[in-house]
Amino acid sequence: MRTKNAIYLLSVFAITLLVITACQSPEVTSAKVYFQQENLDAAEEQLLIALDKEPMNPEVPYLLASGVYGPRRDYDKAKEMVEKAAALDPTYTDKADQFIKKFWADIYSEGANFFNSALKSVFPAEKDSLLLLATEKFEKSLTMKDDEISSYNGLAKCFFMLQDTAKVIDVANRLKAKDIFDKDTFFYYGQVIWTPGNQETALAELQSIANQYPEAGDIQLLLVGYLSDLERYDEALEVARTAAINDPDNLDISFILAQIYGKIGDFESAQFEFQKVLASNPDDVEVLVRISEAYFNAKDYVMAEEYSRRAVELSPDDFYGYDILWKSLYNQGKLEEAEEYREIEKTLR
């Protein structure tokens, strides 16, 4: 009995193999053999024949994509074939999506490598050439997946560094059309649209972006800077305060807030904001000069002297610190020492 059962099982197994083989065209079978032999040309030839014979078989375009065009980095054909397989059989959709994501990642990585090489380049011509190569790859990656923020981000950075204003604007407009936001792209966009004669339009657009994406601190600061340039300090202060609420640990916002307070004569608030920045970096010469200036304008000459002394100790070749120092000493009646620092300031200036 055992022998009969074994013979029966072997017979079933053999029949199953015959059925499976029968369902698979000889061209697909041959292609799989060629894959094992790493003969992609022969495999492609067989699969193209199968594609013509079996136009409704999703396995054929899938094998062409995964076994031939993908490994060859012929991404356009690979994408076409995996999409064809998914269209013929929805069970291939996840596989197709994974392959397309991989194709995108491969091309994007090439662009990122060119971009990183450009950053390290010493010669301007070489740098520009590498940036252009990077843009080609980033654009190519978008033909695989046109919703990848990283590709748009890379394009915007390259075009901004190449000073190609029109193309920075184009990248931003493409993102708008897809309702996708990238803070870096719109930060560059905000800078290139700020041109003479277009300032009010640029402000309105930046304000709209800032309102829609309050978490984008760089754009908020850009807007604050433009409003300050136009001496619209009340509006600048309102935007900066909102930005500080949304990002309370951002010291760049504190630094700009301090400067605006100084512009409107609120020296106490300016001092407070500068102190927050100094708490993070007590040796920041620029902040030391600014805070000493704020104390000087508030007629607190003792504190102005203290901070300006620290500034000149850290940066003895910077005349700004000496300027506030000698004036602070002078207003305290320390005339001889004031004259000494004034001479140094005049020499450095």
C-alpha atoms as a PDB file:
ATOM      1  CA  MET A   1       0.000   0.000   0.000  1.00  0.00           C
ATOM      2  CA  ARG A   2       2.766   2.394   0.895  1.00  0.00           C
ATOM      3  CA  THR A   3       4.376   1.782  -2.485  1.00  0.00           C
ATOM      4  CA  LYS A   4       1.097   2.478  -4.264  1.00  0.00           C
ATOM      5  CA  ASN A   5       0.575   5.687  -2.290  1.00  0.00           C
ATOM      6  CA  ALA A   6       4.088   6.866  -3.113  1.00  0.00           C
ATOM      7  CA  ILE A   7       3.558   6.129  -6.792  1.00  0.00           C
ATOM      8  CA  TYR A   8       0.243   8.018  -6.673  1.00  0.00           C
ATOM      9  CA  LEU A   9       1.819  11.117  -5.049  1.00  0.00           C
ATOM     10  CA  LEU A  10       4.662  11.150  -7.556  1.00  0.00           C
ATOM     11  CA  SER A  11       2.151  10.923 -10.374  1.00  0.00           C
ATOM     12  CA  VAL A  12       0.170  13.904  -9.006  1.00  0.00           C
ATOM     13  CA  PHE A  13       3.373  15.934  -8.627  1.00  0.00           C
ATOM     14  CA  ALA A  14       4.425  15.148 -12.184  1.00  0.00           C
ATOM     15  CA  ILE A  15       0.997  16.094 -13.544  1.00  0.00           C
ATOM     16  CA  THR A  16       1.110  19.388 -11.586  1.00  0.00           C
ATOM     17  CA  LEU A  17       4.491  20.237 -13.072  1.00  0.00           C
ATOM     18  CA  LEU A  18       3.176  19.502 -16.521  1.00  0.00           C
ATOM     19  CA  VAL A  19       0.178  21.793 -15.925  1.00  0.00           C
ATOM     20  CA  ILE A  20       2.371  24.634 -14.651  1.00  0.00           C
ATOM     21  CA  THR A  21       4.762  24.258 -17.569  1.00  0.00           C
ATOM     22  CA  ALA A  22       1.883  24.091 -19.974  1.00  0.00           C
ATOM     23  CA  CYS A  23       0.453  27.402 -18.627  1.00  0.00           C
ATOM     24  CA  GLN A  24       3.768  29.140 -19.185  1.00  0.00           C
ATOM     25  CA  SER A  25       4.842  29.960 -22.712  1.00  0.00           C
ATOM     26  CA  PRO A  26       8.155  28.502 -23.905  1.00  0.00           C
ATOM     27  CA  GLU A  27       9.481  32.050 -24.374  1.00  0.00           C
ATOM     28  CA  VAL A  28       8.873  32.936 -20.688  1.00  0.00           C
ATOM     29  CA  THR A  29      10.407  29.625 -19.627  1.00  0.00           C
ATOM     30  CA  SER A  30      13.431  30.299 -21.813  1.00  0.00           C
ATOM     31  CA  ALA A  31      13.737  33.845 -20.483  1.00  0.00           C
ATOM     32  CA  LYS A  32      13.857  32.575 -16.908  1.00  0.00           C
ATOM     33  CA  VAL A  33      16.609  30.168 -17.870  1.00  0.00           C
ATOM     34  CA  TYR A  34      18.530  33.035 -19.470  1.00  0.00           C
ATOM     35  CA  PHE A  35      18.088  35.078 -16.280  1.00  0.00           C
ATOM     36  CA  GLN A  36      19.773  32.281 -14.359  1.00  0.00           C
ATOM     37  CA  GLN A  37      22.599  32.447 -16.868  1.00  0.00           C
ATOM     38  CA  GLU A  38      22.702  36.266 -16.532  1.00  0.00           C
ATOM     39  CA  ASN A  39      22.120  36.609 -20.255  1.00  0.00           C
ATOM     40  CA  LEU A  40      19.827  39.648 -20.271  1.00  0.00           C
ATOM     41  CA  ASP A  41      19.933  40.182 -24.019  1.00  0.00           C
ATOM     42  CA  ALA A  42      18.620  36.696 -24.729  1.00  0.00           C
ATOM     43  CA  ALA A  43      16.038  36.993 -21.954  1.00  0.00           C
ATOM     44  CA  GLU A  44      14.810  40.276 -23.395  1.00  0.00           C
ATOM     45  CA  GLU A  45      14.527  38.765 -26.866  1.00  0.00           C
ATOM     46  CA  GLN A  46      12.377  35.916 -25.578  1.00  0.00           C
ATOM     47  CA  LEU A  47      10.182  38.183 -23.446  1.00  0.00           C
ATOM     48  CA  LEU A  48       9.547  40.588 -26.322  1.00  0.00           C
ATOM     49  CA  ILE A  49       8.332  37.645 -28.372  1.00  0.00           C
ATOM     50  CA  ALA A  50       6.144  36.587 -25.444  1.00  0.00           C
ATOM     51  CA  LEU A  51       4.835  40.146 -25.105  1.00  0.00           C
ATOM     52  CA  ASP A  52       3.643  39.985 -28.693  1.00  0.00           C
ATOM     53  CA  LYS A  53       2.142  36.519 -28.280  1.00  0.00           C
ATOM     54  CA  GLU A  54       0.620  37.102 -24.821  1.00  0.00           C
ATOM     55  CA  PRO A  55      -0.351  40.775 -24.636  1.00  0.00           C
ATOM     56  CA  MET A  56      -2.634  40.123 -21.656  1.00  0.00           C
ATOM     57  CA  ASN A  57      -0.097  38.245 -19.533  1.00  0.00           C
ATOM     58  CA  PRO A  58       1.112  40.664 -16.782  1.00  0.00           C
ATOM     59  CA  GLU A  59       4.103  38.493 -15.907  1.00  0.00           C
ATOM     60  CA  VAL A  60       5.794  39.274 -19.208  1.00  0.00           C
ATOM     61  CA  PRO A  61       6.081  43.075 -18.831  1.00  0.00           C
ATOM     62  CA  TYR A  62       6.859  42.584 -15.153  1.00  0.00           C
ATOM     63  CA  LEU A  63       9.802  40.323 -15.993  1.00  0.00           C
ATOM     64  CA  LEU A  64      11.005  42.775 -18.611  1.00  0.00           C
ATOM     65  CA  ALA A  65      10.973  45.577 -16.023  1.00  0.00           C
ATOM     66  CA  SER A  66      12.415  43.678 -13.082  1.00  0.00           C
ATOM     67  CA  GLY A  67      14.808  41.402 -14.928  1.00  0.00           C
ATOM     68  CA  VAL A  68      15.979  43.412 -17.936  1.00  0.00           C
ATOM     69  CA  TYR A  69      15.313  47.154 -17.963  1.00  0.00           C
ATOM     70  CA  GLY A  70      15.703  47.782 -14.230  1.00  0.00           C
ATOM     71  CA  PRO A  71      19.145  46.152 -13.991  1.00  0.00           C
ATOM     72  CA  ARG A  72      20.172  48.014 -17.162  1.00  0.00           C
ATOM     73  CA  ARG A  73      19.024  51.285 -15.579  1.00  0.00           C
ATOM     74  CA  ASP A  74      16.747  51.875 -18.544  1.00  0.00           C
ATOM     75  CA  TYR A  75      14.240  53.431 -16.174  1.00  0.00           C
ATOM     76  CA  ASP A  76      11.791  54.781 -18.757  1.00  0.00           C
ATOM     77  CA  LYS A  77      11.177  51.340 -20.241  1.00  0.00           C
ATOM     78  CA  ALA A  78      11.207  49.751 -16.787  1.00  0.00           C
ATOM     79  CA  LYS A  79       8.509  52.119 -15.559  1.00  0.00           C
ATOM     80  CA  GLU A  80       6.452  51.584 -18.697  1.00  0.00           C
ATOM     81  CA  MET A  81       6.552  47.820 -18.222  1.00  0.00           C
ATOM     82  CA  VAL A  82       5.713  47.682 -14.499  1.00  0.00           C
ATOM     83  CA  GLU A  83       2.824  50.078 -15.084  1.00  0.00           C
ATOM     84  CA  LYS A  84       1.640  47.850 -17.915  1.00  0.00           C
ATOM     85  CA  ALA A  85       1.783  44.810 -15.620  1.00  0.00           C
ATOM     86  CA  ALA A  86      -0.227  46.634 -12.941  1.00  0.00           C
ATOM     87  CA  ALA A  87      -2.787  47.757 -15.521  1.00  0.00           C
ATOM     88  CA  LEU A  88      -3.245  44.160 -16.693  1.00  0.00           C
ATOM     89  CA  ASP A  89      -3.413  42.730 -13.173  1.00  0.00           C
ATOM     90  CA  PRO A  90      -3.998  44.932 -10.069  1.00  0.00           C
ATOM     91  CA  THR A  91      -2.180  42.379  -7.907  1.00  0.00           C
ATOM     92  CA  TYR A  92       1.024  43.752  -9.460  1.00  0.00           C
ATOM     93  CA  THR A  93       0.279  47.308  -8.269  1.00  0.00           C
ATOM     94  CA  ASP A  94       2.259  47.129  -5.029  1.00  0.00           C
ATOM     95  CA  LYS A  95       5.235  45.595  -6.791  1.00  0.00           C
ATOM     96  CA  ALA A  96       5.039  48.273  -9.482  1.00  0.00           C
ATOM     97  CA  ASP A  97       4.945  51.031  -6.888  1.00  0.00           C
ATOM     98  CA  GLN A  98       7.969  49.585  -5.112  1.00  0.00           C
ATOM     99  CA  PHE A  99       9.944  49.357  -8.334  1.00  0.00           C
ATOM    100  CA  ILE A 100       9.064  52.902  -9.393  1.00  0.00           C
ATOM    101  CA  LYS A 101      10.060  54.181  -5.956  1.00  0.00           C
ATOM    102  CA  LYS A 102      13.397  52.394  -6.344  1.00  0.00           C
ATOM    103  CA  PHE A 103      13.892  53.833  -9.848  1.00  0.00           C
ATOM    104  CA  TRP A 104      13.218  57.312  -8.455  1.00  0.00           C
ATOM    105  CA  ALA A 105      15.647  56.762  -5.561  1.00  0.00           C
ATOM    106  CA  ASP A 106      18.434  55.562  -7.872  1.00  0.00           C
ATOM    107  CA  ILE A 107      18.156  58.613 -10.136  1.00  0.00           C
ATOM    108  CA  TYR A 108      17.719  61.041  -7.258  1.00  0.00           C
ATOM    109  CA  SER A 109      20.860  59.661  -5.585  1.00  0.00           C
ATOM    110  CA  GLU A 110      22.847  60.362  -8.732  1.00  0.00           C
ATOM    111  CA  GLY A 111      21.633  63.961  -8.659  1.00  0.00           C
ATOM    112  CA  ALA A 112      22.455  64.297  -4.961  1.00  0.00           C
ATOM    113  CA  ASN A 113      25.976  63.021  -5.626  1.00  0.00           C
ATOM    114  CA  PHE A 114      26.513  65.644  -8.342  1.00  0.00           C
ATOM    115  CA  PHE A 115      25.133  68.318  -6.014  1.00  0.00           C
ATOM    116  CA  ASN A 116      27.424  67.323  -3.134  1.00  0.00           C
ATOM    117  CA  SER A 117      30.403  67.296  -5.497  1.00  0.00           C
ATOM    118  CA  ALA A 118      29.450  70.800  -6.635  1.00  0.00           C
ATOM    119  CA  LEU A 119      29.514  72.014  -3.032  1.00  0.00           C
ATOM    120  CA  LYS A 120      33.076  70.742  -2.710  1.00  0.00           C
ATOM    121  CA  SER A 121      34.209  72.186  -6.022  1.00  0.00           C
ATOM    122  CA  VAL A 122      36.780  74.989  -5.943  1.00  0.00           C
ATOM    123  CA  PHE A 123      36.418  76.262  -9.491  1.00  0.00           C
ATOM    124  CA  PRO A 124      33.207  78.137 -10.421  1.00  0.00           C
ATOM    125  CA  ALA A 125      32.954  76.616 -13.904  1.00  0.00           C
ATOM    126  CA  GLU A 126      33.250  73.094 -12.536  1.00  0.00           C
ATOM    127  CA  LYS A 127      30.742  73.879  -9.816  1.00  0.00           C
ATOM    128  CA  ASP A 128      28.182  75.174 -12.321  1.00  0.00           C
ATOM    129  CA  SER A 129      28.722  72.166 -14.557  1.00  0.00           C
ATOM    130  CA  LEU A 130      28.095  69.767 -11.677  1.00  0.00           C
ATOM    131  CA  LEU A 131      24.997  71.692 -10.622  1.00  0.00           C
ATOM    132  CA  LEU A 132      23.607  71.425 -14.143  1.00  0.00           C
ATOM    133  CA  LEU A 133      24.237  67.677 -14.131  1.00  0.00           C
ATOM    134  CA  ALA A 134      22.424  67.491 -10.797  1.00  0.00           C
ATOM    135  CA  THR A 135      19.406  69.337 -12.213  1.00  0.00           C
ATOM    136  CA  GLU A 136      19.225  66.869 -15.101  1.00  0.00           C
ATOM    137  CA  LYS A 137      19.072  63.969 -12.658  1.00  0.00           C
ATOM    138  CA  PHE A 138      16.532  65.643 -10.383  1.00  0.00           C
ATOM    139  CA  GLU A 139      14.330  66.392 -13.394  1.00  0.00           C
ATOM    140  CA  LYS A 140      14.731  62.814 -14.576  1.00  0.00           C
ATOM    141  CA  SER A 141      13.766  61.503 -11.139  1.00  0.00           C
ATOM    142  CA  LEU A 142      10.505  63.444 -11.386  1.00  0.00           C
ATOM    143  CA  THR A 143       9.599  61.505 -14.516  1.00  0.00           C
ATOM    144  CA  MET A 144       9.518  58.457 -12.237  1.00  0.00           C
ATOM    145  CA  LYS A 145       7.596  60.089  -9.375  1.00  0.00           C
ATOM    146  CA  ASP A 146       6.409  63.645  -9.798  1.00  0.00           C
ATOM    147  CA  ASP A 147       5.302  64.075  -6.180  1.00  0.00           C
ATOM    148  CA  GLU A 148       8.674  63.669  -4.467  1.00  0.00           C
ATOM    149  CA  ILE A 149       9.508  66.831  -2.508  1.00  0.00           C
ATOM    150  CA  SER A 150      13.211  65.961  -2.378  1.00  0.00           C
ATOM    151  CA  SER A 151      13.520  66.248  -6.158  1.00  0.00           C
ATOM    152  CA  TYR A 152      11.895  69.682  -6.221  1.00  0.00           C
ATOM    153  CA  ASN A 153      14.056  70.733  -3.277  1.00  0.00           C
ATOM    154  CA  GLY A 154      17.208  69.679  -5.118  1.00  0.00           C
ATOM    155  CA  LEU A 155      16.145  71.520  -8.263  1.00  0.00           C
ATOM    156  CA  ALA A 156      15.399  74.729  -6.371  1.00  0.00           C
ATOM    157  CA  LYS A 157      18.754  74.652  -4.581  1.00  0.00           C
ATOM    158  CA  CYS A 158      20.669  74.074  -7.799  1.00  0.00           C
ATOM    159  CA  PHE A 159      18.872  76.802  -9.742  1.00  0.00           C
ATOM    160  CA  PHE A 160      19.253  79.235  -6.840  1.00  0.00           C
ATOM    161  CA  MET A 161      22.993  78.572  -6.709  1.00  0.00           C
ATOM    162  CA  LEU A 162      23.135  78.967 -10.484  1.00  0.00           C
ATOM    163  CA  GLN A 163      21.282  82.284 -10.075  1.00  0.00           C
ATOM    164  CA  ASP A 164      18.651  81.102 -12.530  1.00  0.00           C
ATOM    165  CA  THR A 165      15.748  83.135 -11.153  1.00  0.00           C
ATOM    166  CA  ALA A 166      13.192  82.029 -13.737  1.00  0.00           C
ATOM    167  CA  LYS A 167      13.750  78.353 -13.015  1.00  0.00           C
ATOM    168  CA  VAL A 168      13.518  78.830  -9.241  1.00  0.00           C
ATOM    169  CA  ILE A 169      10.129  80.458  -9.852  1.00  0.00           C
ATOM    170  CA  ASP A 170       9.171  77.599 -12.184  1.00  0.00           C
ATOM    171  CA  VAL A 171       9.956  74.973  -9.529  1.00  0.00           C
ATOM    172  CA  ALA A 172       7.847  76.859  -6.972  1.00  0.00           C
ATOM    173  CA  ASN A 173       4.965  77.138  -9.433  1.00  0.00           C
ATOM    174  CA  ARG A 174       5.126  73.411 -10.139  1.00  0.00           C
ATOM    175  CA  LEU A 175       4.845  72.739  -6.419  1.00  0.00           C
ATOM    176  CA  LYS A 176       1.895  75.117  -6.165  1.00  0.00           C
ATOM    177  CA  ALA A 177       0.149  73.321  -9.020  1.00  0.00           C
ATOM    178  CA  LYS A 178       0.486  70.038  -7.116  1.00  0.00           C
ATOM    179  CA  ASP A 179      -0.432  71.631  -3.781  1.00  0.00           C
ATOM    180  CA  ILE A 180       2.911  70.507  -2.338  1.00  0.00           C
ATOM    181  CA  PHE A 181       4.908  72.630   0.096  1.00  0.00           C
ATOM    182  CA  ASP A 182       8.671  72.641   0.539  1.00  0.00           C
ATOM    183  CA  LYS A 183      10.005  75.310   2.872  1.00  0.00           C
ATOM    184  CA  ASP A 184      13.410  75.550   1.183  1.00  0.00           C
ATOM    185  CA  THR A 185      11.963  75.978  -2.296  1.00  0.00           C
ATOM    186  CA  PHE A 186       9.610  78.727  -1.169  1.00  0.00           C
ATOM    187  CA  PHE A 187      12.390  80.379   0.834  1.00  0.00           C
ATOM    188  CA  TYR A 188      14.470  80.672  -2.345  1.00  0.00           C
ATOM    189  CA  TYR A 189      11.358  81.700  -4.249  1.00  0.00           C
ATOM    190  CA  GLY A 190      10.744  84.497  -1.756  1.00  0.00           C
ATOM    191  CA  GLN A 191      14.222  85.844  -2.344  1.00  0.00           C
ATOM    192  CA  VAL A 192      14.118  85.839  -6.140  1.00  0.00           C
ATOM    193  CA  ILE A 193      10.708  87.523  -6.426  1.00  0.00           C
ATOM    194  CA  TRP A 194      11.837  90.439  -4.215  1.00  0.00           C
ATOM    195  CA  THR A 195      12.800  92.812  -7.008  1.00  0.00           C
ATOM    196  CA  PRO A 196      12.375  96.563  -7.576  1.00  0.00           C
ATOM    197  CA  GLY A 197       8.843  97.312  -8.680  1.00  0.00           C
ATOM    198  CA  ASN A 198       7.563  93.945  -7.465  1.00  0.00           C
ATOM    199  CA  GLN A 199       7.927  94.411  -3.728  1.00  0.00           C
ATOM    200  CA  GLU A 200       4.244  94.785  -2.837  1.00  0.00           C
ATOM    201  CA  THR A 201       3.310  91.736  -4.907  1.00  0.00           C
ATOM    202  CA  ALA A 202       6.154  89.754  -3.340  1.00  0.00           C
ATOM    203  CA  LEU A 203       5.093  90.822   0.150  1.00  0.00           C
ATOM    204  CA  ALA A 204       1.501  89.784  -0.467  1.00  0.00           C
ATOM    205  CA  GLU A 205       2.562  86.385  -1.759  1.00  0.00           C
ATOM    206  CA  LEU A 206       5.018  85.805   1.073  1.00  0.00           C
ATOM    207  CA  GLN A 207       2.374  86.830   3.593  1.00  0.00           C
ATOM    208  CA  SER A 208      -0.012  84.296   2.077  1.00  0.00           C
ATOM    209  CA  ILE A 209       2.613  81.541   2.264  1.00  0.00           C
ATOM    210  CA  ALA A 210       3.534  82.526   5.830  1.00  0.00           C
ATOM    211  CA  ASN A 211      -0.122  82.407   6.894  1.00  0.00           C
ATOM    212  CA  GLN A 212      -0.659  79.027   5.287  1.00  0.00           C
ATOM    213  CA  TYR A 213       2.539  77.509   6.702  1.00  0.00           C
ATOM    214  CA  PRO A 214       3.262  79.213  10.047  1.00  0.00           C
ATOM    215  CA  GLU A 215       5.776  76.489  10.914  1.00  0.00           C
ATOM    216  CA  ALA A 216       8.080  77.652   8.082  1.00  0.00           C
ATOM    217  CA  GLY A 217      10.316  79.857  10.216  1.00  0.00           C
ATOM    218  CA  ASP A 218      12.720  80.881   7.435  1.00  0.00           C
ATOM    219  CA  ILE A 219       9.876  82.270   5.355  1.00  0.00           C
ATOM    220  CA  GLN A 220       8.528  84.153   8.356  1.00  0.00           C
ATOM    221  CA  LEU A 221      11.958  85.692   8.930  1.00  0.00           C
ATOM    222  CA  LEU A 222      12.285  86.585   5.264  1.00  0.00           C
ATOM    223  CA  LEU A 223       8.977  88.412   5.454  1.00  0.00           C
ATOM    224  CA  VAL A 224      10.076  90.209   8.615  1.00  0.00           C
ATOM    225  CA  GLY A 225      13.287  91.298   6.920  1.00  0.00           C
ATOM    226  CA  TYR A 226      11.455  92.725   3.918  1.00  0.00           C
ATOM    227  CA  LEU A 227       8.971  94.608   6.076  1.00  0.00           C
ATOM    228  CA  SER A 228      11.867  96.020   8.091  1.00  0.00           C
ATOM    229  CA  ASP A 229      13.639  97.111   4.903  1.00  0.00           C
ATOM    230  CA  LEU A 230      10.511  99.087   4.044  1.00  0.00           C
ATOM    231  CA  GLU A 231      10.468 100.486   7.607  1.00  0.00           C
ATOM    232  CA  ARG A 232       7.089  98.881   8.257  1.00  0.00           C
ATOM    233  CA  TYR A 233       8.209  97.949  11.734  1.00  0.00           C
ATOM    234  CA  ASP A 234       4.800  97.432  13.308  1.00  0.00           C
ATOM    235  CA  GLU A 235       3.926  94.787  10.699  1.00  0.00           C
ATOM    236  CA  ALA A 236       7.386  93.243  10.983  1.00  0.00           C
ATOM    237  CA  LEU A 237       7.009  93.043  14.765  1.00  0.00           C
ATOM    238  CA  GLU A 238       3.629  91.346  14.486  1.00  0.00           C
ATOM    239  CA  VAL A 239       4.981  88.680  12.113  1.00  0.00           C
ATOM    240  CA  ALA A 240       8.091  88.143  14.248  1.00  0.00           C
ATOM    241  CA  ARG A 241       6.058  87.751  17.432  1.00  0.00           C
ATOM    242  CA  THR A 242       3.819  85.179  15.750  1.00  0.00           C
ATOM    243  CA  ALA A 243       6.884  83.316  14.509  1.00  0.00           C
ATOM    244  CA  ALA A 244       8.328  83.338  18.041  1.00  0.00           C
ATOM    245  CA  ILE A 245       5.114  81.831  19.407  1.00  0.00           C
ATOM    246  CA  ASN A 246       5.193  79.077  16.781  1.00  0.00           C
ATOM    247  CA  ASP A 247       8.896  78.392  17.314  1.00  0.00           C
ATOM    248  CA  PRO A 248       9.889  79.651  20.792  1.00  0.00           C
ATOM    249  CA  ASP A 249      13.347  78.054  20.708  1.00  0.00           C
ATOM    250  CA  ASN A 250      14.409  79.651  17.434  1.00  0.00           C
ATOM    251  CA  LEU A 251      17.161  82.115  18.390  1.00  0.00           C
ATOM    252  CA  ASP A 252      17.241  83.621  14.905  1.00  0.00           C
ATOM    253  CA  ILE A 253      13.741  84.912  15.574  1.00  0.00           C
ATOM    254  CA  SER A 254      14.863  86.335  18.926  1.00  0.00           C
ATOM    255  CA  PHE A 255      17.778  88.078  17.230  1.00  0.00           C
ATOM    256  CA  ILE A 256      15.542  89.698  14.630  1.00  0.00           C
ATOM    257  CA  LEU A 257      12.929  90.596  17.227  1.00  0.00           C
ATOM    258  CA  ALA A 258      15.630  92.361  19.230  1.00  0.00           C
ATOM    259  CA  GLN A 259      16.653  94.419  16.212  1.00  0.00           C
ATOM    260  CA  ILE A 260      13.070  95.451  15.490  1.00  0.00           C
ATOM    261  CA  TYR A 261      12.580  96.496  19.114  1.00  0.00           C
ATOM    262  CA  GLY A 262      15.720  98.572  18.789  1.00  0.00           C
ATOM    263  CA  LYS A 263      14.359 100.238  15.635  1.00  0.00           C
ATOM    264  CA  ILE A 264      11.142 101.291  17.388  1.00  0.00           C
ATOM    265  CA  GLY A 265      12.951 102.439  20.529  1.00  0.00           C
ATOM    266  CA  ASP A 266      11.862  99.619  22.841  1.00  0.00           C
ATOM    267  CA  PHE A 267      15.370  99.062  24.156  1.00  0.00           C
ATOM    268  CA  GLU A 268      14.316  97.046  27.180  1.00  0.00           C
ATOM    269  CA  SER A 269      12.608  94.424  25.002  1.00  0.00           C
ATOM    270  CA  ALA A 270      15.605  94.483  22.664  1.00  0.00           C
ATOM    271  CA  GLN A 271      17.944  93.764  25.570  1.00  0.00           C
ATOM    272  CA  PHE A 272      15.745  90.886  26.713  1.00  0.00           C
ATOM    273  CA  GLU A 273      15.786  89.220  23.287  1.00  0.00           C
ATOM    274  CA  PHE A 274      19.539  89.721  22.885  1.00  0.00           C
ATOM    275  CA  GLN A 275      20.069  88.158  26.313  1.00  0.00           C
ATOM    276  CA  LYS A 276      18.241  85.017  25.137  1.00  0.00           C
ATOM    277  CA  VAL A 277      20.612  84.724  22.197  1.00  0.00           C
ATOM    278  CA  LEU A 278      23.686  85.339  24.339  1.00  0.00           C
ATOM    279  CA  ALA A 279      22.600  82.667  26.793  1.00  0.00           C
ATOM    280  CA  SER A 280      23.144  80.157  23.991  1.00  0.00           C
ATOM    281  CA  ASN A 281      26.449  81.650  22.814  1.00  0.00           C
ATOM    282  CA  PRO A 282      28.048  84.160  25.221  1.00  0.00           C
ATOM    283  CA  ASP A 283      30.937  84.792  22.807  1.00  0.00           C
ATOM    284  CA  ASP A 284      28.852  85.917  19.836  1.00  0.00           C
ATOM    285  CA  VAL A 285      30.582  89.197  18.976  1.00  0.00           C
ATOM    286  CA  GLU A 286      27.802  90.505  16.756  1.00  0.00           C
ATOM    287  CA  VAL A 287      25.222  90.014  19.498  1.00  0.00           C
ATOM    288  CA  LEU A 288      27.542  91.579  22.079  1.00  0.00           C
ATOM    289  CA  VAL A 289      27.901  94.678  19.913  1.00  0.00           C
ATOM    290  CA  ARG A 290      24.161  94.835  19.302  1.00  0.00           C
ATOM    291  CA  ILE A 291      23.238  94.495  22.955  1.00  0.00           C
ATOM    292  CA  SER A 292      25.815  97.068  24.007  1.00  0.00           C
ATOM    293  CA  GLU A 293      24.277  99.400  21.432  1.00  0.00           C
ATOM    294  CA  ALA A 294      20.817  98.740  22.889  1.00  0.00           C
ATOM    295  CA  TYR A 295      22.056  99.609  26.390  1.00  0.00           C
ATOM    296  CA  PHE A 296      23.821 102.703  25.061  1.00  0.00           C
ATOM    297  CA  ASN A 297      20.650 103.933  23.347  1.00  0.00           C
ATOM    298  CA  ALA A 298      18.798 103.351  26.620  1.00  0.00           C
ATOM    299  CA  LYS A 299      21.468 105.539  28.275  1.00  0.00           C
ATOM    300  CA  ASP A 300      22.640 102.649  30.457  1.00  0.00           C
ATOM    301  CA  TYR A 301      26.299 103.423  29.806  1.00  0.00           C
ATOM    302  CA  VAL A 302      27.643 101.058  32.469  1.00  0.00           C
ATOM    303  CA  MET A 303      26.057  98.002  30.844  1.00  0.00           C
ATOM    304  CA  ALA A 304      26.981  99.295  27.393  1.00  0.00           C
ATOM    305  CA  GLU A 305      30.599  99.478  28.560  1.00  0.00           C
ATOM    306  CA  GLU A 306      30.479  95.954  29.970  1.00  0.00           C
ATOM    307  CA  TYR A 307      29.223  94.314  26.801  1.00  0.00           C
ATOM    308  CA  SER A 308      31.353  96.383  24.421  1.00  0.00           C
ATOM    309  CA  ARG A 309      34.474  95.472  26.448  1.00  0.00           C
ATOM    310  CA  ARG A 310      33.645  91.813  25.969  1.00  0.00           C
ATOM    311  CA  ALA A 311      33.182  92.426  22.264  1.00  0.00           C
ATOM    312  CA  VAL A 312      36.583  94.090  21.771  1.00  0.00           C
ATOM    313  CA  GLU A 313      38.317  91.432  23.847  1.00  0.00           C
ATOM    314  CA  LEU A 314      36.900  88.727  21.589  1.00  0.00           C
ATOM    315  CA  SER A 315      37.370  90.692  18.353  1.00  0.00           C
ATOM    316  CA  PRO A 316      40.129  93.308  18.808  1.00  0.00           C
ATOM    317  CA  ASP A 317      40.164  94.205  15.093  1.00  0.00           C
ATOM    318  CA  ASP A 318      36.472  95.111  14.890  1.00  0.00           C
ATOM    319  CA  PHE A 319      35.952  98.861  15.212  1.00  0.00           C
ATOM    320  CA  TYR A 320      32.230  98.593  16.069  1.00  0.00           C
ATOM    321  CA  GLY A 321      32.928  97.441  19.607  1.00  0.00           C
ATOM    322  CA  TYR A 322      35.444 100.237  20.175  1.00  0.00           C
ATOM    323  CA  ASP A 323      32.963 102.813  18.886  1.00  0.00           C
ATOM    324  CA  ILE A 324      30.386 101.948  21.549  1.00  0.00           C
ATOM    325  CA  LEU A 325      33.040 101.434  24.218  1.00  0.00           C
ATOM    326  CA  TRP A 326      34.643 104.871  23.958  1.00  0.00           C
ATOM    327  CA  LYS A 327      31.271 106.593  23.783  1.00  0.00           C
ATOM    328  CA  SER A 328      30.063 104.683  26.860  1.00  0.00           C
ATOM    329  CA  LEU A 329      33.200 105.669  28.757  1.00  0.00           C
ATOM    330  CA  TYR A 330      32.880 109.274  27.616  1.00  0.00           C
ATOM    331  CA  ASN A 331      29.311 109.498  28.895  1.00  0.00           C
ATOM    332  CA  GLN A 332      30.496 108.206  32.258  1.00  0.00           C
ATOM    333  CA  GLY A 333      33.109 110.941  32.444  1.00  0.00           C
ATOM    334  CA  LYS A 334      36.052 108.566  31.865  1.00  0.00           C
ATOM    335  CA  LEU A 335      37.538 110.910  29.312  1.00  0.00           C
ATOM    336  CA  GLU A 336      41.134 109.737  29.202  1.00  0.00           C
ATOM    337  CA  GLU A 337      40.234 106.072  28.697  1.00  0.00           C
ATOM    338  CA  ALA A 338      37.524 107.071  26.238  1.00  0.00           C
ATOM    339  CA  GLU A 339      40.071 108.953  24.118  1.00  0.00           C
ATOM    340  CA  GLU A 340      42.388 105.955  24.156  1.00  0.00           C
ATOM    341  CA  TYR A 341      39.695 103.655  22.690  1.00  0.00           C
ATOM    342  CA  ARG A 342      38.508 106.352  20.327  1.00  0.00           C
ATOM    343  CA  GLU A 343      41.966 106.482  18.754  1.00  0.00           C
ATOM    344  CA  ILE A 344      41.930 102.709  18.297  1.00  0.00           C
ATOM    345  CA  GLU A 345      38.477 102.928  16.714  1.00  0.00           C
ATOM    346  CA  LYS A 346      39.614 105.642  14.307  1.00  0.00           C
ATOM    347  CA  THR A 347      42.664 103.574  13.308  1.00  0.00           C
ATOM    348  CA  LEU A 348      40.563 100.490  12.598  1.00  0.00           C
ATOM    349  CA  ARG A 349      37.893 102.398  10.734  1.00  0.00           C
END
